[in-house]
Amino acid sequence: MTNRKVLLIGWDAADWEHITPMPEEGLMPTLDSFIDRGVMGNLATPDALEFRGDR
């Protein structure tokens, strides 16, 4: 079994609809390289009302 490195990038309020064209146009070559060699996707966000802090 080989050791594998994992890089998780969290981009708050990012939307793939706006991000995806940038690497395709050559504006973000490093991100394009990460995507080409790995996986990309959306993470589910819990309802913001659950975290109001007014308990």
PDB file of N, CA and C in Angstrom:
ATOM      1  N   MET A   1       0.846  -1.180   0.000  1.00  0.00           N
ATOM      2  CA  MET A   1       0.000   0.000   0.000  1.00  0.00           C
ATOM      3  C   MET A   1       0.892   1.244   0.000  1.00  0.00           C
ATOM      4  N   THR A   2       0.589   2.174  -0.867  1.00  0.00           N
ATOM      5  CA  THR A   2       1.388   3.396  -0.939  1.00  0.00           C
ATOM      6  C   THR A   2       0.725   4.510  -0.149  1.00  0.00           C
ATOM      7  N   ASN A   3       1.549   5.394   0.368  1.00  0.00           N
ATOM      8  CA  ASN A   3       1.012   6.568   1.061  1.00  0.00           C
ATOM      9  C   ASN A   3       0.528   7.566   0.024  1.00  0.00           C
ATOM     10  N   ARG A   4      -0.666   8.096   0.236  1.00  0.00           N
ATOM     11  CA  ARG A   4      -1.222   9.071  -0.691  1.00  0.00           C
ATOM     12  C   ARG A   4      -1.431  10.380   0.049  1.00  0.00           C
ATOM     13  N   LYS A   5      -1.147  11.460  -0.614  1.00  0.00           N
ATOM     14  CA  LYS A   5      -1.357  12.778  -0.043  1.00  0.00           C
ATOM     15  C   LYS A   5      -2.721  13.291  -0.478  1.00  0.00           C
ATOM     16  N   VAL A   6      -3.368  14.016   0.420  1.00  0.00           N
ATOM     17  CA  VAL A   6      -4.688  14.580   0.139  1.00  0.00           C
ATOM     18  C   VAL A   6      -4.635  16.074   0.372  1.00  0.00           C
ATOM     19  N   LEU A   7      -5.162  16.824  -0.561  1.00  0.00           N
ATOM     20  CA  LEU A   7      -5.278  18.272  -0.425  1.00  0.00           C
ATOM     21  C   LEU A   7      -6.748  18.612  -0.562  1.00  0.00           C
ATOM     22  N   LEU A   8      -7.323  19.179   0.481  1.00  0.00           N
ATOM     23  CA  LEU A   8      -8.726  19.581   0.465  1.00  0.00           C
ATOM     24  C   LEU A   8      -8.766  21.104   0.479  1.00  0.00           C
ATOM     25  N   ILE A   9      -9.363  21.684  -0.543  1.00  0.00           N
ATOM     26  CA  ILE A   9      -9.473  23.133  -0.633  1.00  0.00           C
ATOM     27  C   ILE A   9     -10.920  23.510  -0.398  1.00  0.00           C
ATOM     28  N   GLY A  10     -11.162  24.327   0.599  1.00  0.00           N
ATOM     29  CA  GLY A  10     -12.494  24.850   0.871  1.00  0.00           C
ATOM     30  C   GLY A  10     -12.544  26.315   0.468  1.00  0.00           C
ATOM     31  N   TRP A  11     -13.465  26.641  -0.401  1.00  0.00           N
ATOM     32  CA  TRP A  11     -13.548  28.000  -0.930  1.00  0.00           C
ATOM     33  C   TRP A  11     -14.925  28.533  -0.569  1.00  0.00           C
ATOM     34  N   ASP A  12     -15.006  29.328   0.485  1.00  0.00           N
ATOM     35  CA  ASP A  12     -16.271  29.822   1.002  1.00  0.00           C
ATOM     36  C   ASP A  12     -16.999  30.663  -0.044  1.00  0.00           C
ATOM     37  N   ALA A  13     -18.263  30.378  -0.244  1.00  0.00           N
ATOM     38  CA  ALA A  13     -19.159  31.091  -1.164  1.00  0.00           C
ATOM     39  C   ALA A  13     -18.747  30.934  -2.632  1.00  0.00           C
ATOM     40  N   ALA A  14     -17.900  29.975  -2.927  1.00  0.00           N
ATOM     41  CA  ALA A  14     -17.492  29.744  -4.313  1.00  0.00           C
ATOM     42  C   ALA A  14     -18.574  28.945  -5.037  1.00  0.00           C
ATOM     43  N   ASP A  15     -18.748  29.220  -6.290  1.00  0.00           N
ATOM     44  CA  ASP A  15     -19.738  28.533  -7.102  1.00  0.00           C
ATOM     45  C   ASP A  15     -19.035  28.013  -8.350  1.00  0.00           C
ATOM     46  N   TRP A  16     -19.133  26.692  -8.588  1.00  0.00           N
ATOM     47  CA  TRP A  16     -18.436  26.099  -9.734  1.00  0.00           C
ATOM     48  C   TRP A  16     -18.881  26.732 -11.044  1.00  0.00           C
ATOM     49  N   GLU A  17     -20.090  27.256 -11.087  1.00  0.00           N
ATOM     50  CA  GLU A  17     -20.574  27.922 -12.298  1.00  0.00           C
ATOM     51  C   GLU A  17     -19.673  29.099 -12.674  1.00  0.00           C
ATOM     52  N   HIS A  18     -19.119  29.763 -11.671  1.00  0.00           N
ATOM     53  CA  HIS A  18     -18.244  30.906 -11.909  1.00  0.00           C
ATOM     54  C   HIS A  18     -16.764  30.522 -11.941  1.00  0.00           C
ATOM     55  N   ILE A  19     -16.410  29.477 -11.219  1.00  0.00           N
ATOM     56  CA  ILE A  19     -15.008  29.077 -11.124  1.00  0.00           C
ATOM     57  C   ILE A  19     -14.559  28.276 -12.347  1.00  0.00           C
ATOM     58  N   THR A  20     -15.378  27.338 -12.807  1.00  0.00           N
ATOM     59  CA  THR A  20     -14.989  26.424 -13.878  1.00  0.00           C
ATOM     60  C   THR A  20     -14.469  27.126 -15.138  1.00  0.00           C
ATOM     61  N   PRO A  21     -15.079  28.209 -15.603  1.00  0.00           N
ATOM     62  CA  PRO A  21     -14.551  28.846 -16.819  1.00  0.00           C
ATOM     63  C   PRO A  21     -13.128  29.404 -16.668  1.00  0.00           C
ATOM     64  N   MET A  22     -12.748  29.806 -15.454  1.00  0.00           N
ATOM     65  CA  MET A  22     -11.432  30.427 -15.267  1.00  0.00           C
ATOM     66  C   MET A  22     -10.270  29.498 -15.602  1.00  0.00           C
ATOM     67  N   PRO A  23     -10.204  28.283 -15.054  1.00  0.00           N
ATOM     68  CA  PRO A  23      -9.102  27.388 -15.453  1.00  0.00           C
ATOM     69  C   PRO A  23      -9.166  27.014 -16.930  1.00  0.00           C
ATOM     70  N   GLU A  24     -10.381  26.865 -17.450  1.00  0.00           N
ATOM     71  CA  GLU A  24     -10.530  26.519 -18.864  1.00  0.00           C
ATOM     72  C   GLU A  24      -9.985  27.615 -19.775  1.00  0.00           C
ATOM     73  N   GLU A  25     -10.024  28.869 -19.311  1.00  0.00           N
ATOM     74  CA  GLU A  25      -9.508  29.998 -20.091  1.00  0.00           C
ATOM     75  C   GLU A  25      -8.036  30.276 -19.790  1.00  0.00           C
ATOM     76  N   GLY A  26      -7.431  29.446 -18.928  1.00  0.00           N
ATOM     77  CA  GLY A  26      -6.017  29.616 -18.602  1.00  0.00           C
ATOM     78  C   GLY A  26      -5.746  30.647 -17.526  1.00  0.00           C
ATOM     79  N   LEU A  27      -6.798  31.090 -16.824  1.00  0.00           N
ATOM     80  CA  LEU A  27      -6.634  32.124 -15.802  1.00  0.00           C
ATOM     81  C   LEU A  27      -6.179  31.568 -14.450  1.00  0.00           C
ATOM     82  N   MET A  28      -6.358  30.268 -14.233  1.00  0.00           N
ATOM     83  CA  MET A  28      -5.973  29.639 -12.965  1.00  0.00           C
ATOM     84  C   MET A  28      -5.292  28.303 -13.263  1.00  0.00           C
ATOM     85  N   PRO A  29      -4.064  28.336 -13.759  1.00  0.00           N
ATOM     86  CA  PRO A  29      -3.408  27.089 -14.184  1.00  0.00           C
ATOM     87  C   PRO A  29      -3.145  26.103 -13.042  1.00  0.00           C
ATOM     88  N   THR A  30      -2.866  26.597 -11.860  1.00  0.00           N
ATOM     89  CA  THR A  30      -2.614  25.684 -10.741  1.00  0.00           C
ATOM     90  C   THR A  30      -3.889  24.954 -10.349  1.00  0.00           C
ATOM     91  N   LEU A  31      -4.990  25.672 -10.254  1.00  0.00           N
ATOM     92  CA  LEU A  31      -6.271  25.029  -9.960  1.00  0.00           C
ATOM     93  C   LEU A  31      -6.628  24.041 -11.062  1.00  0.00           C
ATOM     94  N   ASP A  32      -6.388  24.397 -12.296  1.00  0.00           N
ATOM     95  CA  ASP A  32      -6.644  23.505 -13.421  1.00  0.00           C
ATOM     96  C   ASP A  32      -5.848  22.209 -13.276  1.00  0.00           C
ATOM     97  N   SER A  33      -4.608  22.321 -12.851  1.00  0.00           N
ATOM     98  CA  SER A  33      -3.764  21.143 -12.650  1.00  0.00           C
ATOM     99  C   SER A  33      -4.311  20.261 -11.522  1.00  0.00           C
ATOM    100  N   PHE A  34      -4.742  20.883 -10.418  1.00  0.00           N
ATOM    101  CA  PHE A  34      -5.326  20.113  -9.304  1.00  0.00           C
ATOM    102  C   PHE A  34      -6.568  19.357  -9.780  1.00  0.00           C
ATOM    103  N   ILE A  35      -7.431  20.041 -10.517  1.00  0.00           N
ATOM    104  CA  ILE A  35      -8.673  19.424 -10.990  1.00  0.00           C
ATOM    105  C   ILE A  35      -8.368  18.286 -11.961  1.00  0.00           C
ATOM    106  N   ASP A  36      -7.412  18.495 -12.868  1.00  0.00           N
ATOM    107  CA  ASP A  36      -7.059  17.464 -13.838  1.00  0.00           C
ATOM    108  C   ASP A  36      -6.509  16.207 -13.179  1.00  0.00           C
ATOM    109  N   ARG A  37      -5.810  16.369 -12.060  1.00  0.00           N
ATOM    110  CA  ARG A  37      -5.178  15.225 -11.403  1.00  0.00           C
ATOM    111  C   ARG A  37      -5.990  14.680 -10.242  1.00  0.00           C
ATOM    112  N   GLY A  38      -7.157  15.278  -9.970  1.00  0.00           N
ATOM    113  CA  GLY A  38      -7.919  14.850  -8.804  1.00  0.00           C
ATOM    114  C   GLY A  38      -9.413  14.844  -9.049  1.00  0.00           C
ATOM    115  N   VAL A  39     -10.125  15.314  -8.053  1.00  0.00           N
ATOM    116  CA  VAL A  39     -11.578  15.294  -8.061  1.00  0.00           C
ATOM    117  C   VAL A  39     -12.074  16.648  -7.575  1.00  0.00           C
ATOM    118  N   MET A  40     -13.212  17.092  -8.109  1.00  0.00           N
ATOM    119  CA  MET A  40     -13.826  18.312  -7.604  1.00  0.00           C
ATOM    120  C   MET A  40     -15.303  18.038  -7.373  1.00  0.00           C
ATOM    121  N   GLY A  41     -15.907  18.814  -6.497  1.00  0.00           N
ATOM    122  CA  GLY A  41     -17.329  18.621  -6.231  1.00  0.00           C
ATOM    123  C   GLY A  41     -17.837  19.614  -5.209  1.00  0.00           C
ATOM    124  N   ASN A  42     -19.112  19.532  -4.939  1.00  0.00           N
ATOM    125  CA  ASN A  42     -19.758  20.409  -3.973  1.00  0.00           C
ATOM    126  C   ASN A  42     -19.893  19.707  -2.627  1.00  0.00           C
ATOM    127  N   LEU A  43     -19.808  20.478  -1.570  1.00  0.00           N
ATOM    128  CA  LEU A  43     -20.080  19.978  -0.232  1.00  0.00           C
ATOM    129  C   LEU A  43     -21.432  20.517   0.203  1.00  0.00           C
ATOM    130  N   ALA A  44     -22.212  19.688   0.857  1.00  0.00           N
ATOM    131  CA  ALA A  44     -23.509  20.127   1.360  1.00  0.00           C
ATOM    132  C   ALA A  44     -23.297  21.095   2.523  1.00  0.00           C
ATOM    133  N   THR A  45     -24.074  22.148   2.546  1.00  0.00           N
ATOM    134  CA  THR A  45     -23.985  23.142   3.602  1.00  0.00           C
ATOM    135  C   THR A  45     -25.218  23.032   4.489  1.00  0.00           C
ATOM    136  N   PRO A  46     -25.008  22.912   5.807  1.00  0.00           N
ATOM    137  CA  PRO A  46     -26.167  22.847   6.699  1.00  0.00           C
ATOM    138  C   PRO A  46     -26.919  24.176   6.714  1.00  0.00           C
ATOM    139  N   ASP A  47     -28.157  24.113   7.110  1.00  0.00           N
ATOM    140  CA  ASP A  47     -28.990  25.310   7.216  1.00  0.00           C
ATOM    141  C   ASP A  47     -28.348  26.301   8.178  1.00  0.00           C
ATOM    142  N   ALA A  48     -28.173  27.525   7.764  1.00  0.00           N
ATOM    143  CA  ALA A  48     -27.508  28.550   8.579  1.00  0.00           C
ATOM    144  C   ALA A  48     -28.249  28.807   9.886  1.00  0.00           C
ATOM    145  N   LEU A  49     -29.553  28.579   9.933  1.00  0.00           N
ATOM    146  CA  LEU A  49     -30.312  28.820  11.157  1.00  0.00           C
ATOM    147  C   LEU A  49     -29.893  27.890  12.290  1.00  0.00           C
ATOM    148  N   GLU A  50     -29.294  26.758  11.956  1.00  0.00           N
ATOM    149  CA  GLU A  50     -28.831  25.829  12.983  1.00  0.00           C
ATOM    150  C   GLU A  50     -27.651  26.391  13.761  1.00  0.00           C
ATOM    151  N   PHE A  51     -26.974  27.408  13.240  1.00  0.00           N
ATOM    152  CA  PHE A  51     -25.753  27.924  13.838  1.00  0.00           C
ATOM    153  C   PHE A  51     -25.885  29.380  14.298  1.00  0.00           C
ATOM    154  N   ARG A  52     -27.078  29.807  14.664  1.00  0.00           N
ATOM    155  CA  ARG A  52     -27.297  31.201  15.059  1.00  0.00           C
ATOM    156  C   ARG A  52     -26.609  31.554  16.363  1.00  0.00           C
ATOM    157  N   GLY A  53     -26.443  30.591  17.239  1.00  0.00           N
ATOM    158  CA  GLY A  53     -25.750  30.842  18.490  1.00  0.00           C
ATOM    159  C   GLY A  53     -26.601  31.488  19.566  1.00  0.00           C
ATOM    160  N   ASP A  54     -27.911  31.617  19.376  1.00  0.00           N
ATOM    161  CA  ASP A  54     -28.755  32.238  20.394  1.00  0.00           C
ATOM    162  C   ASP A  54     -29.484  31.185  21.227  1.00  0.00           C
ATOM    163  N   ARG A  55     -28.753  30.248  21.724  1.00  0.00           N
ATOM    164  CA  ARG A  55     -29.342  29.134  22.485  1.00  0.00           C
ATOM    165  C   ARG A  55     -29.728  29.558  23.868  1.00  0.00           C
TER     166      ARG A  55
END
